[in-house]
Amino acid sequence: QRVSRGDQIGMFHFGGSTHCLVFQPGVELEFQVPVS
């Protein structure tokens, strides 16, 4: 399936959680939010 930025891809039910985004080596990111 083709997706665009912001398209829904899933959800959590009845609780809360955490999530990760994983990138290959060589992908250097410049964040626009505070990260540590």
PDB file of all heavy atoms in Angstrom:
ATOM      1  N   GLN A   1       0.834  -1.207   0.000  1.00  0.00           N
ATOM      2  CA  GLN A   1       0.000   0.000   0.000  1.00  0.00           C
ATOM      3  C   GLN A   1       0.865   1.253   0.000  1.00  0.00           C
ATOM      4  O   GLN A   1       1.827   1.359   0.744  1.00  0.00           O
ATOM      5  CB  GLN A   1      -0.921  -0.013   1.219  1.00  0.00           C
ATOM      6  CG  GLN A   1      -1.870   1.178   1.298  1.00  0.00           C
ATOM      7  CD  GLN A   1      -2.844   1.049   2.465  1.00  0.00           C
ATOM      8  OE1 GLN A   1      -3.149  -0.055   2.920  1.00  0.00           O
ATOM      9  NE2 GLN A   1      -3.340   2.180   2.938  1.00  0.00           N
ATOM     10  N   ARG A   2       0.500   2.226  -0.853  1.00  0.00           N
ATOM     11  CA  ARG A   2       1.199   3.507  -0.867  1.00  0.00           C
ATOM     12  C   ARG A   2       0.587   4.408   0.209  1.00  0.00           C
ATOM     13  O   ARG A   2      -0.635   4.471   0.356  1.00  0.00           O
ATOM     14  CB  ARG A   2       1.091   4.171  -2.239  1.00  0.00           C
ATOM     15  CG  ARG A   2       1.562   5.618  -2.258  1.00  0.00           C
ATOM     16  CD  ARG A   2       1.918   6.108  -3.628  1.00  0.00           C
ATOM     17  NE  ARG A   2       3.180   5.513  -4.078  1.00  0.00           N
ATOM     18  CZ  ARG A   2       4.375   5.950  -3.672  1.00  0.00           C
ATOM     19  NH1 ARG A   2       4.474   6.960  -2.824  1.00  0.00           N
ATOM     20  NH2 ARG A   2       5.466   5.375  -4.111  1.00  0.00           N
ATOM     21  N   VAL A   3       1.462   5.083   0.960  1.00  0.00           N
ATOM     22  CA  VAL A   3       1.008   6.006   2.001  1.00  0.00           C
ATOM     23  C   VAL A   3       1.694   7.350   1.807  1.00  0.00           C
ATOM     24  O   VAL A   3       2.819   7.431   1.302  1.00  0.00           O
ATOM     25  CB  VAL A   3       1.310   5.459   3.416  1.00  0.00           C
ATOM     26  CG1 VAL A   3       0.438   4.267   3.740  1.00  0.00           C
ATOM     27  CG2 VAL A   3       2.788   5.128   3.587  1.00  0.00           C
ATOM     28  N   SER A   4       0.997   8.376   2.222  1.00  0.00           N
ATOM     29  CA  SER A   4       1.557   9.722   2.244  1.00  0.00           C
ATOM     30  C   SER A   4       1.796  10.118   3.692  1.00  0.00           C
ATOM     31  O   SER A   4       1.180   9.563   4.617  1.00  0.00           O
ATOM     32  CB  SER A   4       0.597  10.719   1.587  1.00  0.00           C
ATOM     33  OG  SER A   4       0.386  10.390   0.230  1.00  0.00           O
ATOM     34  N   ARG A   5       2.696  11.071   3.891  1.00  0.00           N
ATOM     35  CA  ARG A   5       2.947  11.567   5.240  1.00  0.00           C
ATOM     36  C   ARG A   5       1.618  11.966   5.884  1.00  0.00           C
ATOM     37  O   ARG A   5       0.817  12.691   5.304  1.00  0.00           O
ATOM     38  CB  ARG A   5       3.872  12.785   5.188  1.00  0.00           C
ATOM     39  CG  ARG A   5       5.320  12.469   4.875  1.00  0.00           C
ATOM     40  CD  ARG A   5       6.116  13.726   4.586  1.00  0.00           C
ATOM     41  NE  ARG A   5       5.572  14.406   3.422  1.00  0.00           N
ATOM     42  CZ  ARG A   5       5.201  15.677   3.409  1.00  0.00           C
ATOM     43  NH1 ARG A   5       5.304  16.424   4.482  1.00  0.00           N
ATOM     44  NH2 ARG A   5       4.722  16.220   2.299  1.00  0.00           N
ATOM     45  N   GLY A   6       1.392  11.462   7.100  1.00  0.00           N
ATOM     46  CA  GLY A   6       0.176  11.806   7.826  1.00  0.00           C
ATOM     47  C   GLY A   6      -0.966  10.840   7.644  1.00  0.00           C
ATOM     48  O   GLY A   6      -1.965  10.925   8.375  1.00  0.00           O
ATOM     49  N   ASP A   7      -0.874   9.911   6.703  1.00  0.00           N
ATOM     50  CA  ASP A   7      -1.939   8.913   6.549  1.00  0.00           C
ATOM     51  C   ASP A   7      -1.955   7.986   7.762  1.00  0.00           C
ATOM     52  O   ASP A   7      -0.900   7.573   8.263  1.00  0.00           O
ATOM     53  CB  ASP A   7      -1.717   8.059   5.295  1.00  0.00           C
ATOM     54  CG  ASP A   7      -2.020   8.798   4.009  1.00  0.00           C
ATOM     55  OD1 ASP A   7      -2.532   9.930   4.080  1.00  0.00           O
ATOM     56  OD2 ASP A   7      -1.731   8.232   2.930  1.00  0.00           O
ATOM     57  N   GLN A   8      -3.161   7.610   8.208  1.00  0.00           N
ATOM     58  CA  GLN A   8      -3.263   6.660   9.316  1.00  0.00           C
ATOM     59  C   GLN A   8      -2.722   5.301   8.897  1.00  0.00           C
ATOM     60  O   GLN A   8      -3.018   4.808   7.807  1.00  0.00           O
ATOM     61  CB  GLN A   8      -4.705   6.507   9.773  1.00  0.00           C
ATOM     62  CG  GLN A   8      -4.861   5.503  10.925  1.00  0.00           C
ATOM     63  CD  GLN A   8      -6.286   5.298  11.349  1.00  0.00           C
ATOM     64  OE1 GLN A   8      -6.934   6.224  11.803  1.00  0.00           O
ATOM     65  NE2 GLN A   8      -6.792   4.070  11.193  1.00  0.00           N
ATOM     66  N   ILE A   9      -1.929   4.685   9.801  1.00  0.00           N
ATOM     67  CA  ILE A   9      -1.436   3.328   9.530  1.00  0.00           C
ATOM     68  C   ILE A   9      -1.785   2.348  10.653  1.00  0.00           C
ATOM     69  O   ILE A   9      -1.521   1.156  10.535  1.00  0.00           O
ATOM     70  CB  ILE A   9       0.086   3.313   9.271  1.00  0.00           C
ATOM     71  CG1 ILE A   9       0.861   3.878  10.462  1.00  0.00           C
ATOM     72  CG2 ILE A   9       0.414   4.085   8.004  1.00  0.00           C
ATOM     73  CD1 ILE A   9       2.383   3.783  10.284  1.00  0.00           C
ATOM     74  N   GLY A  10      -2.377   2.836  11.758  1.00  0.00           N
ATOM     75  CA  GLY A  10      -2.760   1.926  12.836  1.00  0.00           C
ATOM     76  C   GLY A  10      -3.127   2.679  14.093  1.00  0.00           C
ATOM     77  O   GLY A  10      -3.216   3.916  14.095  1.00  0.00           O
ATOM     78  N   MET A  11      -3.328   1.922  15.194  1.00  0.00           N
ATOM     79  CA  MET A  11      -3.727   2.554  16.460  1.00  0.00           C
ATOM     80  C   MET A  11      -3.497   1.598  17.636  1.00  0.00           C
ATOM     81  O   MET A  11      -3.410   0.384  17.471  1.00  0.00           O
ATOM     82  CB  MET A  11      -5.188   2.974  16.414  1.00  0.00           C
ATOM     83  CG  MET A  11      -6.182   1.821  16.426  1.00  0.00           C
ATOM     84  SD  MET A  11      -7.878   2.330  16.045  1.00  0.00           S
ATOM     85  CE  MET A  11      -7.806   2.400  14.246  1.00  0.00           C
ATOM     86  N   PHE A  12      -3.400   2.208  18.832  1.00  0.00           N
ATOM     87  CA  PHE A  12      -3.433   1.466  20.092  1.00  0.00           C
ATOM     88  C   PHE A  12      -4.869   1.443  20.600  1.00  0.00           C
ATOM     89  O   PHE A  12      -5.621   2.400  20.406  1.00  0.00           O
ATOM     90  CB  PHE A  12      -2.574   2.146  21.161  1.00  0.00           C
ATOM     91  CG  PHE A  12      -1.101   2.128  20.888  1.00  0.00           C
ATOM     92  CD1 PHE A  12      -0.396   3.319  20.724  1.00  0.00           C
ATOM     93  CD2 PHE A  12      -0.398   0.937  20.824  1.00  0.00           C
ATOM     94  CE1 PHE A  12       0.970   3.316  20.494  1.00  0.00           C
ATOM     95  CE2 PHE A  12       0.964   0.914  20.590  1.00  0.00           C
ATOM     96  CZ  PHE A  12       1.654   2.112  20.424  1.00  0.00           C
ATOM     97  N   HIS A  13      -5.238   0.367  21.287  1.00  0.00           N
ATOM     98  CA  HIS A  13      -6.545   0.285  21.941  1.00  0.00           C
ATOM     99  C   HIS A  13      -6.362   0.179  23.456  1.00  0.00           C
ATOM    100  O   HIS A  13      -5.413  -0.409  23.946  1.00  0.00           O
ATOM    101  CB  HIS A  13      -7.308  -0.947  21.441  1.00  0.00           C
ATOM    102  CG  HIS A  13      -7.736  -0.859  20.017  1.00  0.00           C
ATOM    103  ND1 HIS A  13      -8.925  -0.282  19.617  1.00  0.00           N
ATOM    104  CD2 HIS A  13      -7.127  -1.264  18.871  1.00  0.00           C
ATOM    105  CE1 HIS A  13      -9.029  -0.344  18.295  1.00  0.00           C
ATOM    106  NE2 HIS A  13      -7.950  -0.941  17.827  1.00  0.00           N
ATOM    107  N   PHE A  14      -7.325   0.738  24.175  1.00  0.00           N
ATOM    108  CA  PHE A  14      -7.461   0.655  25.635  1.00  0.00           C
ATOM    109  C   PHE A  14      -6.150   0.739  26.409  1.00  0.00           C
ATOM    110  O   PHE A  14      -5.900  -0.004  27.334  1.00  0.00           O
ATOM    111  CB  PHE A  14      -8.281  -0.581  26.054  1.00  0.00           C
ATOM    112  CG  PHE A  14      -7.718  -1.930  25.676  1.00  0.00           C
ATOM    113  CD1 PHE A  14      -6.876  -2.619  26.534  1.00  0.00           C
ATOM    114  CD2 PHE A  14      -8.050  -2.529  24.481  1.00  0.00           C
ATOM    115  CE1 PHE A  14      -6.378  -3.869  26.202  1.00  0.00           C
ATOM    116  CE2 PHE A  14      -7.566  -3.777  24.135  1.00  0.00           C
ATOM    117  CZ  PHE A  14      -6.727  -4.448  25.003  1.00  0.00           C
ATOM    118  N   GLY A  15      -5.325   1.696  26.101  1.00  0.00           N
ATOM    119  CA  GLY A  15      -4.107   1.886  26.889  1.00  0.00           C
ATOM    120  C   GLY A  15      -3.157   2.836  26.209  1.00  0.00           C
ATOM    121  O   GLY A  15      -3.469   3.412  25.188  1.00  0.00           O
ATOM    122  N   GLY A  16      -2.003   3.000  26.761  1.00  0.00           N
ATOM    123  CA  GLY A  16      -1.026   3.926  26.200  1.00  0.00           C
ATOM    124  C   GLY A  16       0.264   3.218  25.904  1.00  0.00           C
ATOM    125  O   GLY A  16       0.394   2.042  26.173  1.00  0.00           O
ATOM    126  N   SER A  17       1.213   3.913  25.323  1.00  0.00           N
ATOM    127  CA  SER A  17       2.380   3.183  24.911  1.00  0.00           C
ATOM    128  C   SER A  17       3.511   4.080  24.471  1.00  0.00           C
ATOM    129  O   SER A  17       3.556   5.263  24.771  1.00  0.00           O
ATOM    130  CB  SER A  17       2.007   2.219  23.798  1.00  0.00           C
ATOM    131  OG  SER A  17       2.915   1.155  23.765  1.00  0.00           O
ATOM    132  N   THR A  18       4.418   3.472  23.722  1.00  0.00           N
ATOM    133  CA  THR A  18       5.605   4.136  23.234  1.00  0.00           C
ATOM    134  C   THR A  18       5.827   3.673  21.794  1.00  0.00           C
ATOM    135  O   THR A  18       5.208   2.715  21.344  1.00  0.00           O
ATOM    136  CB  THR A  18       6.815   3.777  24.127  1.00  0.00           C
ATOM    137  OG1 THR A  18       7.951   4.553  23.761  1.00  0.00           O
ATOM    138  CG2 THR A  18       7.170   2.307  24.026  1.00  0.00           C
ATOM    139  N   HIS A  19       6.673   4.381  21.047  1.00  0.00           N
ATOM    140  CA  HIS A  19       6.938   3.950  19.677  1.00  0.00           C
ATOM    141  C   HIS A  19       8.337   4.361  19.259  1.00  0.00           C
ATOM    142  O   HIS A  19       8.918   5.297  19.810  1.00  0.00           O
ATOM    143  CB  HIS A  19       5.906   4.503  18.696  1.00  0.00           C
ATOM    144  CG  HIS A  19       6.131   5.937  18.319  1.00  0.00           C
ATOM    145  ND1 HIS A  19       5.892   6.969  19.183  1.00  0.00           N
ATOM    146  CD2 HIS A  19       6.595   6.503  17.168  1.00  0.00           C
ATOM    147  CE1 HIS A  19       6.179   8.113  18.576  1.00  0.00           C
ATOM    148  NE2 HIS A  19       6.610   7.864  17.348  1.00  0.00           N
ATOM    149  N   CYS A  20       8.880   3.640  18.276  1.00  0.00           N
ATOM    150  CA  CYS A  20      10.215   3.924  17.745  1.00  0.00           C
ATOM    151  C   CYS A  20      10.154   4.103  16.233  1.00  0.00           C
ATOM    152  O   CYS A  20       9.368   3.442  15.552  1.00  0.00           O
ATOM    153  CB  CYS A  20      11.182   2.772  18.050  1.00  0.00           C
ATOM    154  SG  CYS A  20      11.578   2.567  19.791  1.00  0.00           S
ATOM    155  N   LEU A  21      11.008   4.986  15.738  1.00  0.00           N
ATOM    156  CA  LEU A  21      11.303   5.095  14.315  1.00  0.00           C
ATOM    157  C   LEU A  21      12.747   4.656  14.144  1.00  0.00           C
ATOM    158  O   LEU A  21      13.636   5.140  14.853  1.00  0.00           O
ATOM    159  CB  LEU A  21      11.115   6.529  13.820  1.00  0.00           C
ATOM    160  CG  LEU A  21       9.713   7.135  13.995  1.00  0.00           C
ATOM    161  CD1 LEU A  21       9.692   8.565  13.455  1.00  0.00           C
ATOM    162  CD2 LEU A  21       8.652   6.285  13.299  1.00  0.00           C
ATOM    163  N   VAL A  22      12.988   3.730  13.209  1.00  0.00           N
ATOM    164  CA  VAL A  22      14.315   3.132  13.044  1.00  0.00           C
ATOM    165  C   VAL A  22      14.826   3.435  11.635  1.00  0.00           C
ATOM    166  O   VAL A  22      14.100   3.249  10.646  1.00  0.00           O
ATOM    167  CB  VAL A  22      14.252   1.603  13.262  1.00  0.00           C
ATOM    168  CG1 VAL A  22      15.650   1.009  13.264  1.00  0.00           C
ATOM    169  CG2 VAL A  22      13.524   1.269  14.574  1.00  0.00           C
ATOM    170  N   PHE A  23      16.087   3.885  11.562  1.00  0.00           N
ATOM    171  CA  PHE A  23      16.672   4.292  10.291  1.00  0.00           C
ATOM    172  C   PHE A  23      17.987   3.554  10.050  1.00  0.00           C
ATOM    173  O   PHE A  23      18.699   3.193  10.989  1.00  0.00           O
ATOM    174  CB  PHE A  23      16.921   5.799  10.273  1.00  0.00           C
ATOM    175  CG  PHE A  23      15.684   6.608  10.536  1.00  0.00           C
ATOM    176  CD1 PHE A  23      15.340   6.971  11.838  1.00  0.00           C
ATOM    177  CD2 PHE A  23      14.857   6.991   9.500  1.00  0.00           C
ATOM    178  CE1 PHE A  23      14.192   7.709  12.095  1.00  0.00           C
ATOM    179  CE2 PHE A  23      13.698   7.729   9.741  1.00  0.00           C
ATOM    180  CZ  PHE A  23      13.364   8.084  11.037  1.00  0.00           C
ATOM    181  N   GLN A  24      18.313   3.356   8.785  1.00  0.00           N
ATOM    182  CA  GLN A  24      19.545   2.675   8.424  1.00  0.00           C
ATOM    183  C   GLN A  24      20.762   3.565   8.681  1.00  0.00           C
ATOM    184  O   GLN A  24      20.638   4.793   8.758  1.00  0.00           O
ATOM    185  CB  GLN A  24      19.507   2.284   6.943  1.00  0.00           C
ATOM    186  CG  GLN A  24      18.441   1.261   6.607  1.00  0.00           C
ATOM    187  CD  GLN A  24      18.509   0.826   5.163  1.00  0.00           C
ATOM    188  OE1 GLN A  24      19.492   0.213   4.740  1.00  0.00           O
ATOM    189  NE2 GLN A  24      17.468   1.131   4.394  1.00  0.00           N
ATOM    190  N   PRO A  25      21.947   2.950   8.823  1.00  0.00           N
ATOM    191  CA  PRO A  25      23.161   3.753   8.989  1.00  0.00           C
ATOM    192  C   PRO A  25      23.352   4.653   7.771  1.00  0.00           C
ATOM    193  O   PRO A  25      23.025   4.279   6.642  1.00  0.00           O
ATOM    194  CB  PRO A  25      24.277   2.707   9.106  1.00  0.00           C
ATOM    195  CG  PRO A  25      23.712   1.469   8.505  1.00  0.00           C
ATOM    196  CD  PRO A  25      22.244   1.509   8.782  1.00  0.00           C
ATOM    197  N   GLY A  26      23.873   5.844   8.013  1.00  0.00           N
ATOM    198  CA  GLY A  26      24.069   6.806   6.926  1.00  0.00           C
ATOM    199  C   GLY A  26      22.944   7.801   6.806  1.00  0.00           C
ATOM    200  O   GLY A  26      23.089   8.829   6.142  1.00  0.00           O
ATOM    201  N   VAL A  27      21.790   7.521   7.458  1.00  0.00           N
ATOM    202  CA  VAL A  27      20.686   8.482   7.464  1.00  0.00           C
ATOM    203  C   VAL A  27      20.923   9.436   8.641  1.00  0.00           C
ATOM    204  O   VAL A  27      20.788   9.051   9.804  1.00  0.00           O
ATOM    205  CB  VAL A  27      19.323   7.777   7.605  1.00  0.00           C
ATOM    206  CG1 VAL A  27      18.205   8.812   7.672  1.00  0.00           C
ATOM    207  CG2 VAL A  27      19.099   6.808   6.462  1.00  0.00           C
ATOM    208  N   GLU A  28      21.281  10.655   8.320  1.00  0.00           N
ATOM    209  CA  GLU A  28      21.578  11.653   9.354  1.00  0.00           C
ATOM    210  C   GLU A  28      20.416  12.632   9.431  1.00  0.00           C
ATOM    211  O   GLU A  28      20.070  13.280   8.439  1.00  0.00           O
ATOM    212  CB  GLU A  28      22.877  12.388   9.036  1.00  0.00           C
ATOM    213  CG  GLU A  28      23.322  13.336  10.137  1.00  0.00           C
ATOM    214  CD  GLU A  28      24.651  13.993   9.844  1.00  0.00           C
ATOM    215  OE1 GLU A  28      25.370  13.524   8.939  1.00  0.00           O
ATOM    216  OE2 GLU A  28      24.976  14.986  10.533  1.00  0.00           O
ATOM    217  N   LEU A  29      19.836  12.732  10.597  1.00  0.00           N
ATOM    218  CA  LEU A  29      18.641  13.549  10.776  1.00  0.00           C
ATOM    219  C   LEU A  29      18.941  14.822  11.564  1.00  0.00           C
ATOM    220  O   LEU A  29      19.737  14.806  12.505  1.00  0.00           O
ATOM    221  CB  LEU A  29      17.559  12.749  11.503  1.00  0.00           C
ATOM    222  CG  LEU A  29      17.085  11.467  10.809  1.00  0.00           C
ATOM    223  CD1 LEU A  29      16.121  10.705  11.706  1.00  0.00           C
ATOM    224  CD2 LEU A  29      16.427  11.784   9.466  1.00  0.00           C
ATOM    225  N   GLU A  30      18.263  15.881  11.187  1.00  0.00           N
ATOM    226  CA  GLU A  30      18.326  17.132  11.946  1.00  0.00           C
ATOM    227  C   GLU A  30      16.927  17.379  12.500  1.00  0.00           C
ATOM    228  O   GLU A  30      15.999  17.713  11.756  1.00  0.00           O
ATOM    229  CB  GLU A  30      18.760  18.291  11.047  1.00  0.00           C
ATOM    230  CG  GLU A  30      18.937  19.598  11.810  1.00  0.00           C
ATOM    231  CD  GLU A  30      19.529  20.681  10.932  1.00  0.00           C
ATOM    232  OE1 GLU A  30      20.584  20.440  10.308  1.00  0.00           O
ATOM    233  OE2 GLU A  30      18.911  21.765  10.861  1.00  0.00           O
ATOM    234  N   PHE A  31      16.790  17.184  13.794  1.00  0.00           N
ATOM    235  CA  PHE A  31      15.468  17.235  14.409  1.00  0.00           C
ATOM    236  C   PHE A  31      14.989  18.672  14.614  1.00  0.00           C
ATOM    237  O   PHE A  31      15.771  19.569  14.924  1.00  0.00           O
ATOM    238  CB  PHE A  31      15.471  16.488  15.749  1.00  0.00           C
ATOM    239  CG  PHE A  31      15.369  15.007  15.591  1.00  0.00           C
ATOM    240  CD1 PHE A  31      16.506  14.225  15.403  1.00  0.00           C
ATOM    241  CD2 PHE A  31      14.134  14.378  15.595  1.00  0.00           C
ATOM    242  CE1 PHE A  31      16.409  12.863  15.233  1.00  0.00           C
ATOM    243  CE2 PHE A  31      14.023  13.010  15.425  1.00  0.00           C
ATOM    244  CZ  PHE A  31      15.169  12.248  15.245  1.00  0.00           C
ATOM    245  N   GLN A  32      13.692  18.835  14.462  1.00  0.00           N
ATOM    246  CA  GLN A  32      13.058  20.122  14.690  1.00  0.00           C
ATOM    247  C   GLN A  32      12.336  20.148  16.033  1.00  0.00           C
ATOM    248  O   GLN A  32      11.589  21.070  16.327  1.00  0.00           O
ATOM    249  CB  GLN A  32      12.103  20.429  13.534  1.00  0.00           C
ATOM    250  CG  GLN A  32      12.847  20.533  12.201  1.00  0.00           C
ATOM    251  CD  GLN A  32      11.918  20.724  11.024  1.00  0.00           C
ATOM    252  OE1 GLN A  32      10.893  21.381  11.133  1.00  0.00           O
ATOM    253  NE2 GLN A  32      12.280  20.163   9.884  1.00  0.00           N
ATOM    254  N   VAL A  33      12.555  19.093  16.830  1.00  0.00           N
ATOM    255  CA  VAL A  33      12.034  19.024  18.200  1.00  0.00           C
ATOM    256  C   VAL A  33      13.202  18.659  19.108  1.00  0.00           C
ATOM    257  O   VAL A  33      14.197  18.093  18.645  1.00  0.00           O
ATOM    258  CB  VAL A  33      10.913  17.963  18.325  1.00  0.00           C
ATOM    259  CG1 VAL A  33       9.760  18.306  17.394  1.00  0.00           C
ATOM    260  CG2 VAL A  33      11.440  16.564  18.030  1.00  0.00           C
ATOM    261  N   PRO A  34      13.123  18.978  20.404  1.00  0.00           N
ATOM    262  CA  PRO A  34      14.230  18.645  21.309  1.00  0.00           C
ATOM    263  C   PRO A  34      14.403  17.137  21.450  1.00  0.00           C
ATOM    264  O   PRO A  34      13.450  16.420  21.729  1.00  0.00           O
ATOM    265  CB  PRO A  34      13.790  19.265  22.648  1.00  0.00           C
ATOM    266  CG  PRO A  34      12.746  20.272  22.287  1.00  0.00           C
ATOM    267  CD  PRO A  34      12.061  19.735  21.077  1.00  0.00           C
ATOM    268  N   VAL A  35      15.622  16.646  21.225  1.00  0.00           N
ATOM    269  CA  VAL A  35      15.917  15.228  21.416  1.00  0.00           C
ATOM    270  C   VAL A  35      17.184  15.090  22.245  1.00  0.00           C
ATOM    271  O   VAL A  35      17.981  16.008  22.346  1.00  0.00           O
ATOM    272  CB  VAL A  35      16.104  14.479  20.073  1.00  0.00           C
ATOM    273  CG1 VAL A  35      14.815  14.463  19.283  1.00  0.00           C
ATOM    274  CG2 VAL A  35      17.223  15.095  19.250  1.00  0.00           C
ATOM    275  N   SER A  36      17.339  13.919  22.868  1.00  0.00           N
ATOM    276  CA  SER A  36      18.491  13.641  23.710  1.00  0.00           C
ATOM    277  C   SER A  36      18.953  12.221  23.456  1.00  0.00           C
ATOM    278  O   SER A  36      18.170  11.373  23.004  1.00  0.00           O
ATOM    279  CB  SER A  36      18.124  13.813  25.189  1.00  0.00           C
ATOM    280  OG  SER A  36      19.161  13.347  26.030  1.00  0.00           O
TER     281      SER A  36
END
